[in-house]
Amino acid sequence: MKILQISFHTAPFGDVGKYDSGGLNIYVEKISKHLSKTNNVTVVTAEKAKSFKKGNLEFLSLNLFDQDLSVEDKEIYLNDFSEKLNKDINLESFDVIHSHYWLSGLVGKQIANQFNKPLVYTSHSLGIFLDGYN
């Protein structure tokens, strides 16, 4: 199976505890490594980071912004990210799309709908709901 993991706003496989790097990064790194034991897994981000391929695990950075940029400022790159994904990656070749955080969820939903692929979405936080809004 070919799995696409989308982590738009932060690059997994790096240092944890700086900028937006935290629990989401640990989760994506661990689940990707586990899934790559029996599947081909591609993890993609917009944050600048070093891309690599190790066995069935490939990590691709589209290098659209620096890691110290705020999430709000990263959001303006969402369309560029989607366009670059469509241009640089054969999205139709994936069997399932797994998006992490709401920004990645928007991109994942678009890809899943475009190519009629199943989408797994993990929010990783409840954001505004934690502030008492619902």
Protein backbone atom coordinates (compact mmCIF):
# COMPACT_ATOMS: atom_id res chain seq x y z
CA MET A 1 0.00 0.00 0.00
CA LYS A 2 1.16 3.55 -0.74
CA ILE A 3 0.38 6.06 2.01
CA LEU A 4 0.74 9.83 1.77
CA GLN A 5 1.16 11.60 5.10
CA ILE A 6 0.66 15.39 4.96
CA SER A 7 2.19 17.55 7.67
CA PHE A 8 1.91 20.96 6.01
CA HIS A 9 2.82 23.35 8.81
CA THR A 10 5.68 21.52 10.53
CA ALA A 11 8.37 19.07 9.47
CA PRO A 12 8.55 15.80 11.39
CA PHE A 13 11.90 14.02 11.86
CA GLY A 14 13.56 17.13 13.31
CA ASP A 15 14.21 18.59 16.72
CA VAL A 16 11.18 18.66 19.01
CA GLY A 17 10.34 21.60 21.25
CA LYS A 18 11.24 24.46 18.94
CA TYR A 19 8.75 26.60 17.03
CA ASP A 20 5.73 24.44 16.05
CA SER A 21 7.54 21.15 16.61
CA GLY A 22 5.98 18.96 19.29
CA GLY A 23 3.66 16.02 19.80
CA LEU A 24 2.35 16.04 16.24
CA ASN A 25 5.90 15.64 14.94
CA ILE A 26 6.58 12.71 17.26
CA TYR A 27 3.31 11.05 16.24
CA VAL A 28 3.92 11.48 12.49
CA GLU A 29 7.51 10.26 12.80
CA LYS A 30 6.58 7.15 14.84
CA ILE A 31 3.52 6.15 12.81
CA SER A 32 5.35 6.71 9.52
CA LYS A 33 8.29 4.56 10.58
CA HIS A 34 5.92 1.84 11.80
CA LEU A 35 3.76 1.88 8.66
CA SER A 36 6.85 1.84 6.42
CA LYS A 37 7.75 -1.62 7.72
CA THR A 38 5.05 -3.08 5.46
CA ASN A 39 3.97 -0.14 3.26
CA ASN A 40 5.46 2.63 1.15
CA VAL A 41 5.07 5.86 3.10
CA THR A 42 5.69 9.37 1.82
CA VAL A 43 5.60 12.22 4.33
CA VAL A 44 5.41 15.72 2.88
CA THR A 45 5.70 19.16 4.46
CA ALA A 46 5.91 22.77 3.34
CA GLU A 47 8.39 23.69 6.08
CA LYS A 48 12.03 23.93 5.02
CA ALA A 49 13.82 20.72 6.00
CA LYS A 50 16.18 18.13 4.55
CA SER A 51 14.39 15.52 2.44
CA PHE A 52 15.45 11.86 2.64
CA LYS A 53 14.55 8.33 1.63
CA LYS A 54 15.22 5.36 3.89
CA GLY A 55 13.77 2.00 2.85
CA ASN A 56 10.02 2.35 2.33
CA LEU A 57 9.94 5.77 4.05
CA GLU A 58 10.39 8.95 2.06
CA PHE A 59 10.30 12.45 3.52
CA LEU A 60 9.84 15.39 1.16
CA SER A 61 10.06 19.04 2.04
CA LEU A 62 8.62 21.45 -0.50
CA ASN A 63 10.70 24.19 1.20
CA LEU A 64 8.07 26.93 1.14
CA PHE A 65 8.78 28.61 4.49
CA ASP A 66 11.14 28.69 7.47
CA GLN A 67 10.30 26.85 10.67
CA ASP A 68 10.17 30.03 12.77
CA LEU A 69 7.20 31.42 10.80
CA SER A 70 3.96 31.55 12.81
CA VAL A 71 1.12 29.14 11.93
CA GLU A 72 -1.01 32.12 10.91
CA ASP A 73 1.68 33.24 8.45
CA LYS A 74 2.19 29.68 7.18
CA GLU A 75 -1.47 29.52 6.20
CA ILE A 76 -0.88 31.91 3.28
CA TYR A 77 1.29 29.20 1.64
CA LEU A 78 -1.52 26.62 1.56
CA ASN A 79 -2.44 27.18 -2.10
CA ASP A 80 1.22 27.15 -3.16
CA PHE A 81 1.65 23.87 -1.27
CA SER A 82 -1.35 22.28 -3.00
CA GLU A 83 -0.17 23.43 -6.42
CA LYS A 84 3.37 22.17 -5.84
CA LEU A 85 2.08 18.81 -4.57
CA ASN A 86 -0.02 18.38 -7.72
CA LYS A 87 2.93 19.37 -9.91
CA ASP A 88 5.75 17.45 -8.21
CA ILE A 89 4.09 14.29 -6.88
CA ASN A 90 1.92 11.66 -8.57
CA LEU A 91 -0.92 11.99 -6.06
CA GLU A 92 -3.13 9.52 -7.89
CA SER A 93 -0.61 6.75 -7.13
CA PHE A 94 -1.40 6.76 -3.39
CA ASP A 95 -3.91 4.34 -1.88
CA VAL A 96 -4.73 6.47 1.17
CA ILE A 97 -4.14 10.05 2.31
CA HIS A 98 -3.45 10.79 6.01
CA SER A 99 -3.53 14.48 6.98
CA HIS A 100 -2.27 15.93 10.25
CA TYR A 101 -3.68 19.16 11.75
CA TRP A 102 -6.44 21.24 10.19
CA LEU A 103 -4.33 22.94 7.51
CA SER A 104 -3.12 19.58 6.21
CA GLY A 105 -6.69 18.34 6.47
CA LEU A 106 -7.83 20.92 3.93
CA VAL A 107 -5.18 19.76 1.47
CA GLY A 108 -5.85 16.08 2.17
CA LYS A 109 -9.58 16.53 1.61
CA GLN A 110 -8.91 18.21 -1.72
CA ILE A 111 -6.61 15.37 -2.86
CA ALA A 112 -8.97 12.65 -1.61
CA ASN A 113 -11.91 14.21 -3.47
CA GLN A 114 -9.92 14.87 -6.64
CA PHE A 115 -8.63 11.29 -6.93
CA ASN A 116 -11.41 9.44 -5.07
CA LYS A 117 -9.04 8.21 -2.34
CA PRO A 118 -9.80 7.44 1.31
CA LEU A 119 -8.78 10.16 3.76
CA VAL A 120 -7.66 9.70 7.34
CA TYR A 121 -7.60 12.94 9.31
CA THR A 122 -5.93 13.45 12.69
CA SER A 123 -6.55 16.87 14.24
CA HIS A 124 -3.86 16.65 16.98
CA SER A 125 -5.51 19.53 18.83
CA LEU A 126 -8.94 20.94 19.42
CA GLY A 127 -7.83 24.55 19.13
CA ILE A 128 -10.72 26.92 19.64
CA PHE A 129 -12.80 24.20 21.35
CA LEU A 130 -10.34 24.22 24.25
CA ASP A 131 -11.18 27.89 24.77
CA GLY A 132 -14.82 27.04 25.46
CA TYR A 133 -16.23 27.66 21.99
CA ASN A 134 -18.23 25.01 20.18
